[in-house]
Amino acid sequence: MSPTQLPDHGEVLAEVREVRRAGIVRLRELRLPLLTGMSAEQGEAGSGGPHFPAVERLLRTAVAAMGGGTLQEAAEYSLGLARGTRDWPPADRRRRAAQVYGVSVERFRKHQELMVLGQLAELLVRGHTAGSLPALPGDGADRPPVRGGASRRLAPSHRPVTVLVGGREHRLTLHVHAADLLRDIDVVVSPSNTHFALPEPYKSSVAATLRRAGAVRDPAGRIVEDRIRDELRAWTDRYAPRGLPVAPGTVAVTGAGALEEQGVRHIHHAAVAVPRPGTNDYDVLPADVTRAVTRVFALLAGGPGRTSVCLPLMGAGRGGLAPADSLAAVWTAVEAELARGGDWDVHLLVRRPERADLVAELLTNAGGSRT
């Protein structure tokens, strides 16, 4: 296929959809003549090597050229390009992509998925004719063309958001980084299951990150005191029925362990995830998230000198809640507290800039906020 020959959009889309069904891990098994040819012309293919690594690099480059936002995030999940999703079954990848848009899997399959993959195919076709992959118009189109990796701007890790609640302006802070980078916050909320069983410290969740950061280590980096875990076990031994779960919405309070050196004073463990028997999955109800956040504020009011609180999007990971639904559940409690005169320093925590964009947009639409 020569650079002057325009690939058929429908045929390119068909190959992209084939990758979506099979996943990146099975590229070796697929026959993808158009994508293979494009990868060679974009300079992604190595000489004499197998075609599938070059096709993967081409797809990653094209997805990066989407410029962020829900479109790029859904594309990453759909194809298995998002971190940790490479070996996910197609149904799981589709489910997570649907959560990005906050719609059902069936609606996503019929509507948003075709749009997302169609935009990816459009980028590939345009990149073939232009010799490089341009960004989509209106989504970072002022950036240089992408070849071998996206050119990105550094996103701010702290974003101020001013929200109008009950006729008063309240300034929130939106953090876009991992939980262990938080500084000078009285209370950080950690999502938990109803057994208050913490994940292993090497995992990537908010709870695991806080556990890891709160541990005391020796000079070689080995954990010698698992302080947050130990305090949470002491709490459950005192208050929770032995071997039985607590009610969803329950909040347990512990110290912050080594995080106290960063100005974090307490961890509020919010039991919002109900384990599904016989599986590794959880169920999270928005009402339980709202109940937990309401309880957090009640505990804040009872603790002398506590004025700042940081809340993640609870249930938006393995809990299965769409990010928009998680934010709505958190915000219901926050808005009620601010509306009744609470003068708290509220922080929200997300990991990815695209998720921060969604949070800022939803808060703006919720009632006259500005960033």
Protein backbone atom coordinates (compact mmCIF):
# COMPACT_ATOMS: atom_id res chain seq x y z
CA MET A 1 0.00 0.00 0.00
CA SER A 2 1.63 3.24 -1.11
CA PRO A 3 1.35 6.50 0.86
CA THR A 4 -0.71 8.00 -1.95
CA GLN A 5 -3.30 5.23 -1.75
CA LEU A 6 -5.98 6.16 0.79
CA PRO A 7 -6.89 3.18 3.01
CA ASP A 8 -10.57 2.41 3.30
CA HIS A 9 -11.86 3.66 6.66
CA GLY A 10 -14.27 0.75 6.98
CA GLU A 11 -11.53 -1.82 6.42
CA VAL A 12 -9.24 -0.14 8.93
CA LEU A 13 -12.10 -0.01 11.43
CA ALA A 14 -12.75 -3.71 10.88
CA GLU A 15 -9.14 -4.54 11.79
CA VAL A 16 -9.28 -2.28 14.87
CA ARG A 17 -12.46 -4.06 15.98
CA GLU A 18 -10.71 -7.38 15.48
CA VAL A 19 -7.96 -6.21 17.83
CA ARG A 20 -10.61 -5.15 20.35
CA ARG A 21 -12.16 -8.61 20.29
CA ALA A 22 -8.87 -10.49 20.53
CA GLY A 23 -6.88 -8.09 22.70
CA ILE A 24 -3.29 -6.94 22.46
CA VAL A 25 -1.95 -10.22 23.88
CA ARG A 26 -3.25 -12.09 20.82
CA LEU A 27 -1.91 -9.77 18.12
CA ARG A 28 0.46 -12.51 16.96
CA GLU A 29 -2.55 -14.65 15.95
CA LEU A 30 -4.32 -11.98 13.92
CA ARG A 31 -4.05 -11.23 10.23
CA LEU A 32 -3.99 -7.42 10.01
CA PRO A 33 -2.63 -6.45 6.57
CA LEU A 34 -3.66 -2.78 6.72
CA LEU A 35 -2.37 -2.13 10.24
CA THR A 36 0.82 -4.03 9.48
CA GLY A 37 1.41 -1.92 6.38
CA MET A 38 0.69 1.28 8.25
CA SER A 39 3.11 0.37 11.03
CA ALA A 40 5.88 -0.07 8.46
CA GLU A 41 5.12 3.26 6.78
CA GLN A 42 4.96 5.08 10.13
CA GLY A 43 8.43 3.78 10.97
CA GLU A 44 7.13 1.52 13.74
CA ALA A 45 8.28 -1.79 12.26
CA GLY A 46 11.70 -3.25 12.83
CA SER A 47 13.54 -4.78 9.90
CA GLY A 48 12.83 -8.44 9.45
CA GLY A 49 11.08 -8.80 12.80
CA PRO A 50 7.55 -9.98 13.58
CA HIS A 51 4.78 -7.57 12.73
CA PHE A 52 2.78 -7.60 15.95
CA PRO A 53 5.08 -5.44 18.16
CA ALA A 54 5.04 -2.77 15.45
CA VAL A 55 1.24 -2.90 15.21
CA GLU A 56 0.97 -2.49 18.99
CA ARG A 57 3.27 0.56 18.88
CA LEU A 58 1.21 2.01 16.04
CA LEU A 59 -2.02 1.58 18.01
CA ARG A 60 -0.49 3.08 21.16
CA THR A 61 0.75 6.06 19.19
CA ALA A 62 -2.65 6.57 17.57
CA VAL A 63 -4.50 6.30 20.90
CA ALA A 64 -2.07 8.79 22.47
CA ALA A 65 -2.84 11.20 19.62
CA MET A 66 -6.48 11.29 20.77
CA GLY A 67 -5.36 13.98 23.21
CA GLY A 68 -6.70 12.61 26.48
CA GLY A 69 -10.20 12.75 27.90
CA THR A 70 -12.89 10.09 27.85
CA LEU A 71 -12.25 9.24 24.20
CA GLN A 72 -8.65 8.20 24.83
CA GLU A 73 -9.41 6.49 28.13
CA ALA A 74 -12.21 4.40 26.58
CA ALA A 75 -9.95 3.46 23.66
CA GLU A 76 -7.20 2.33 26.04
CA TYR A 77 -9.58 0.09 27.97
CA SER A 78 -11.28 -1.22 24.83
CA LEU A 79 -8.04 -2.46 23.28
CA GLY A 80 -6.27 -3.49 26.49
CA LEU A 81 -3.72 -0.69 26.27
CA ALA A 82 -4.50 0.73 29.72
CA ARG A 83 -2.03 -0.30 32.37
CA GLY A 84 -2.86 -3.69 33.86
CA THR A 85 -5.56 -4.55 31.30
CA ARG A 86 -3.42 -6.25 28.67
CA ASP A 87 -4.69 -9.74 29.49
CA TRP A 88 -8.27 -8.80 30.39
CA PRO A 89 -11.09 -10.66 28.61
CA PRO A 90 -12.95 -8.55 26.02
CA ALA A 91 -16.09 -8.40 28.19
CA ASP A 92 -14.14 -6.92 31.10
CA ARG A 93 -12.42 -4.37 28.86
CA ARG A 94 -15.77 -3.34 27.38
CA ARG A 95 -17.29 -3.02 30.84
CA ARG A 96 -14.52 -0.69 32.02
CA ALA A 97 -14.74 1.37 28.86
CA ALA A 98 -18.49 1.73 29.42
CA GLN A 99 -17.81 3.00 32.94
CA VAL A 100 -15.69 5.80 31.48
CA TYR A 101 -18.85 7.17 29.85
CA GLY A 102 -21.11 6.20 32.74
CA VAL A 103 -23.43 4.10 30.56
CA SER A 104 -24.50 0.47 30.48
CA VAL A 105 -22.39 -2.08 28.64
CA GLU A 106 -25.11 -2.61 26.06
CA ARG A 107 -25.52 1.08 25.35
CA PHE A 108 -21.76 1.49 25.07
CA ARG A 109 -21.54 -1.43 22.64
CA LYS A 110 -24.19 0.07 20.38
CA HIS A 111 -23.12 3.71 20.52
CA GLN A 112 -19.93 4.95 22.21
CA GLU A 113 -17.76 1.97 21.27
CA LEU A 114 -18.35 2.47 17.56
CA MET A 115 -17.57 6.18 17.96
CA VAL A 116 -14.35 5.51 19.90
CA LEU A 117 -13.02 2.88 17.52
CA GLY A 118 -14.17 4.90 14.52
CA GLN A 119 -12.17 7.91 15.71
CA LEU A 120 -9.14 5.67 16.17
CA ALA A 121 -9.54 4.35 12.62
CA GLU A 122 -9.88 7.92 11.36
CA LEU A 123 -6.59 8.87 13.01
CA LEU A 124 -4.88 5.87 11.47
CA VAL A 125 -6.17 6.73 7.99
CA ARG A 126 -5.16 10.37 8.30
CA GLY A 127 -1.78 9.41 9.71
CA HIS A 128 -1.17 7.13 6.73
CA THR A 129 -1.76 9.90 4.23
CA ALA A 130 0.09 12.59 6.23
CA GLY A 131 3.07 10.44 7.16
CA SER A 132 2.53 11.01 10.89
CA LEU A 133 -0.33 10.82 13.37
CA PRO A 134 -2.00 14.21 14.02
CA ALA A 135 -4.01 14.98 17.12
CA LEU A 136 -7.77 15.05 16.82
CA PRO A 137 -9.28 18.51 16.15
CA GLY A 138 -10.47 20.18 19.33
CA ASP A 139 -8.64 17.66 21.50
CA GLY A 140 -5.09 18.87 21.51
CA ALA A 141 -4.97 19.76 17.80
CA ASP A 142 -2.47 22.53 18.54
CA ARG A 143 0.10 19.92 19.53
CA PRO A 144 2.80 18.76 17.13
CA PRO A 145 2.11 15.62 15.06
CA VAL A 146 2.77 12.40 16.92
CA ARG A 147 5.44 10.02 15.67
CA GLY A 148 6.68 7.27 17.96
CA GLY A 149 4.93 8.78 21.01
CA ALA A 150 2.60 11.60 21.98
CA SER A 151 3.70 15.14 22.74
CA ARG A 152 1.86 16.12 25.91
CA ARG A 153 1.65 19.08 28.20
CA LEU A 154 2.31 18.50 31.88
CA ALA A 155 -1.03 18.53 33.67
CA PRO A 156 -1.22 20.40 37.00
CA SER A 157 -1.18 18.07 40.00
CA HIS A 158 -3.22 20.47 42.15
CA ARG A 159 -6.26 22.22 40.71
CA PRO A 160 -8.35 24.77 42.61
CA VAL A 161 -12.11 24.48 42.10
CA THR A 162 -14.53 27.06 43.47
CA VAL A 163 -18.07 25.76 43.97
CA LEU A 164 -21.19 27.75 44.84
CA VAL A 165 -23.22 25.93 47.52
CA GLY A 166 -26.10 27.49 49.43
CA GLY A 167 -25.24 30.94 48.12
CA ARG A 168 -21.64 30.71 49.39
CA GLU A 169 -18.43 30.06 47.51
CA HIS A 170 -16.30 27.14 48.67
CA ARG A 171 -12.81 26.50 47.41
CA LEU A 172 -11.91 22.85 46.87
CA THR A 173 -8.57 21.37 45.86
CA LEU A 174 -8.43 18.63 43.24
CA HIS A 175 -5.29 16.47 43.60
CA VAL A 176 -4.07 14.57 40.53
CA HIS A 177 -1.48 12.18 41.95
CA ALA A 178 -1.05 9.11 44.12
CA ALA A 179 -2.33 9.11 47.70
CA ASP A 180 1.15 8.83 49.22
CA LEU A 181 2.04 12.31 47.91
CA LEU A 182 -0.59 14.06 50.03
CA ARG A 183 0.74 16.65 52.45
CA ASP A 184 -0.67 18.60 55.42
CA ILE A 185 -4.19 17.17 55.43
CA ASP A 186 -5.85 16.26 58.73
CA VAL A 187 -7.88 13.30 57.44
CA VAL A 188 -7.45 11.14 54.33
CA VAL A 189 -10.31 8.79 53.53
CA SER A 190 -9.34 5.27 52.46
CA PRO A 191 -11.97 3.06 50.76
CA SER A 192 -12.27 -0.36 52.34
CA ASN A 193 -14.40 -3.48 52.28
CA THR A 194 -16.87 -4.35 55.01
CA HIS A 195 -14.33 -6.66 56.66
CA PHE A 196 -11.76 -3.85 56.87
CA ALA A 197 -9.27 -6.22 55.23
CA LEU A 198 -6.50 -4.09 53.76
CA PRO A 199 -5.01 -5.02 50.38
CA GLU A 200 -1.38 -6.06 50.19
CA PRO A 201 0.95 -3.02 50.29
CA TYR A 202 2.42 -3.74 46.84
CA LYS A 203 -0.93 -3.16 45.11
CA SER A 204 -1.99 0.12 43.48
CA SER A 205 -5.29 1.01 45.17
CA VAL A 206 -5.67 4.01 47.47
CA ALA A 207 -5.91 1.73 50.51
CA ALA A 208 -2.76 -0.20 49.53
CA THR A 209 -0.87 3.00 48.77
CA LEU A 210 -1.74 4.51 52.14
CA ARG A 211 -0.83 1.29 53.95
CA ARG A 212 2.53 1.21 52.18
CA ALA A 213 3.25 4.88 52.86
CA GLY A 214 2.22 4.60 56.51
CA ALA A 215 4.57 1.71 57.25
CA VAL A 216 7.88 2.16 59.05
CA ARG A 217 10.86 0.72 57.17
CA ASP A 218 14.43 -0.18 58.00
CA PRO A 219 17.40 1.33 56.07
CA ALA A 220 17.06 -1.44 53.44
CA GLY A 221 13.43 -0.51 52.78
CA ARG A 222 11.90 -3.53 54.51
CA ILE A 223 8.70 -2.97 56.48
CA VAL A 224 9.30 -3.31 60.20
CA GLU A 225 6.03 -1.78 61.45
CA ASP A 226 2.81 -2.03 59.46
CA ARG A 227 1.23 0.72 61.53
CA ILE A 228 -2.00 1.42 59.66
CA ARG A 229 -2.81 -2.29 59.37
CA ASP A 230 -2.05 -2.88 63.05
CA GLU A 231 -4.22 0.02 64.20
CA LEU A 232 -7.08 -1.05 61.96
CA ARG A 233 -6.90 -4.58 63.37
CA ALA A 234 -7.04 -3.14 66.88
CA TRP A 235 -10.14 -1.14 65.90
CA THR A 236 -11.92 -4.20 64.48
CA ASP A 237 -10.99 -6.29 67.55
CA ARG A 238 -12.63 -3.66 69.72
CA TYR A 239 -15.71 -2.70 67.71
CA ALA A 240 -16.48 -5.23 64.97
CA PRO A 241 -18.03 -8.68 65.47
CA ARG A 242 -15.29 -11.29 65.20
CA GLY A 243 -15.25 -12.73 61.68
CA LEU A 244 -18.34 -10.80 60.62
CA PRO A 245 -18.55 -7.75 58.33
CA VAL A 246 -19.52 -4.30 59.54
CA ALA A 247 -22.45 -2.44 58.05
CA PRO A 248 -21.71 -0.65 54.76
CA GLY A 249 -20.99 3.00 55.46
CA THR A 250 -19.12 2.30 58.70
CA VAL A 251 -15.95 4.37 59.19
CA ALA A 252 -12.96 3.25 61.27
CA VAL A 253 -10.37 5.79 62.42
CA THR A 254 -6.66 5.09 62.68
CA GLY A 255 -3.50 7.11 62.79
CA ALA A 256 -1.53 7.79 59.64
CA GLY A 257 1.66 5.96 60.62
CA ALA A 258 4.72 7.29 58.84
CA LEU A 259 2.49 9.67 56.87
CA GLU A 260 2.37 11.84 59.96
CA GLU A 261 5.79 13.11 58.87
CA GLN A 262 4.01 14.58 55.82
CA GLY A 263 1.37 16.32 57.91
CA VAL A 264 -1.34 13.66 57.50
CA ARG A 265 -2.91 13.08 60.91
CA HIS A 266 -5.57 10.39 60.53
CA ILE A 267 -6.88 7.81 58.08
CA HIS A 268 -10.64 7.26 57.96
CA HIS A 269 -11.31 3.79 56.56
CA ALA A 270 -14.71 3.83 54.84
CA ALA A 271 -16.39 0.43 54.47
CA VAL A 272 -18.15 0.79 51.13
CA ALA A 273 -17.25 -2.42 49.24
CA VAL A 274 -19.29 -5.55 49.95
CA PRO A 275 -17.42 -8.71 48.88
CA ARG A 276 -19.32 -10.92 46.48
CA PRO A 277 -19.21 -14.50 47.86
CA GLY A 278 -17.12 -16.95 45.87
CA THR A 279 -15.47 -14.27 43.73
CA ASN A 280 -12.76 -11.60 43.88
CA ASP A 281 -15.32 -8.90 43.07
CA TYR A 282 -17.13 -6.32 45.15
CA ASP A 283 -20.46 -4.54 45.06
CA VAL A 284 -20.53 -0.83 45.90
CA LEU A 285 -23.78 1.09 46.24
CA PRO A 286 -23.73 4.88 45.82
CA ALA A 287 -25.92 5.22 48.92
CA ASP A 288 -23.25 3.50 51.01
CA VAL A 289 -20.59 5.87 49.68
CA THR A 290 -22.75 8.85 50.62
CA ARG A 291 -23.40 7.36 54.05
CA ALA A 292 -19.68 6.82 54.64
CA VAL A 293 -18.74 10.37 53.63
CA THR A 294 -21.48 11.75 55.88
CA ARG A 295 -20.00 9.72 58.73
CA VAL A 296 -16.52 11.08 57.94
CA PHE A 297 -17.78 14.64 58.42
CA ALA A 298 -19.49 13.66 61.69
CA LEU A 299 -16.19 12.29 62.97
CA LEU A 300 -14.40 15.41 61.78
CA ALA A 301 -16.79 17.56 63.80
CA GLY A 302 -16.04 15.47 66.89
CA GLY A 303 -12.27 15.67 66.50
CA PRO A 304 -10.64 18.83 67.85
CA GLY A 305 -8.53 20.75 65.37
CA ARG A 306 -9.50 18.71 62.32
CA THR A 307 -10.39 21.01 59.45
CA SER A 308 -9.18 19.39 56.22
CA VAL A 309 -10.28 16.16 54.56
CA CYS A 310 -9.27 14.40 51.35
CA LEU A 311 -11.76 12.14 49.55
CA PRO A 312 -11.01 9.75 46.66
CA LEU A 313 -13.62 8.51 44.18
CA MET A 314 -14.74 5.53 46.23
CA GLY A 315 -15.97 2.46 44.40
CA ALA A 316 -14.70 3.62 41.00
CA GLY A 317 -12.09 0.85 40.78
CA ARG A 318 -12.93 -2.78 41.40
CA GLY A 319 -16.18 -1.67 42.99
CA GLY A 320 -17.60 -1.19 39.52
CA LEU A 321 -19.06 2.30 39.94
CA ALA A 322 -18.66 4.66 37.01
CA PRO A 323 -16.48 7.64 37.98
CA ALA A 324 -19.42 10.00 37.52
CA ASP A 325 -21.59 7.89 39.83
CA SER A 326 -18.86 7.72 42.46
CA LEU A 327 -18.35 11.49 42.37
CA ALA A 328 -22.11 12.07 42.60
CA ALA A 329 -22.29 9.86 45.70
CA VAL A 330 -19.33 11.62 47.35
CA TRP A 331 -20.56 15.07 46.35
CA THR A 332 -24.06 14.47 47.77
CA ALA A 333 -22.58 14.27 51.26
CA VAL A 334 -20.02 17.04 50.71
CA GLU A 335 -22.64 19.44 49.32
CA ALA A 336 -25.03 18.72 52.19
CA GLU A 337 -22.29 19.41 54.73
CA LEU A 338 -21.24 22.66 53.07
CA ALA A 339 -24.84 23.78 52.61
CA ARG A 340 -25.50 23.46 56.35
CA GLY A 341 -22.60 25.80 57.08
CA GLY A 342 -19.66 23.43 57.35
CA ASP A 343 -16.41 25.30 56.85
CA TRP A 344 -14.19 22.40 55.86
CA ASP A 345 -11.12 22.42 53.68
CA VAL A 346 -12.22 19.75 51.17
CA HIS A 347 -9.77 17.95 48.88
CA LEU A 348 -10.61 15.43 46.14
CA LEU A 349 -8.10 12.85 44.94
CA VAL A 350 -7.76 11.19 41.52
CA ARG A 351 -4.81 9.55 39.79
CA ARG A 352 -5.22 10.54 36.15
CA PRO A 353 -5.56 13.98 34.50
CA GLU A 354 -8.44 12.68 32.37
CA ARG A 355 -10.34 11.72 35.52
CA ALA A 356 -9.59 15.16 36.98
CA ASP A 357 -11.06 16.78 33.86
CA LEU A 358 -14.24 14.74 34.37
CA VAL A 359 -14.48 15.71 38.04
CA ALA A 360 -13.98 19.41 37.28
CA GLU A 361 -16.58 19.27 34.50
CA LEU A 362 -19.16 17.52 36.66
CA LEU A 363 -18.64 19.93 39.55
CA THR A 364 -19.04 22.81 37.13
CA ASN A 365 -22.33 21.42 35.88
CA ALA A 366 -23.48 20.59 39.42
CA GLY A 367 -24.05 24.15 40.50
CA GLY A 368 -22.02 27.04 39.27
CA SER A 369 -18.45 26.20 40.02
CA ARG A 370 -15.37 27.52 38.32
CA THR A 371 -11.82 26.26 38.12
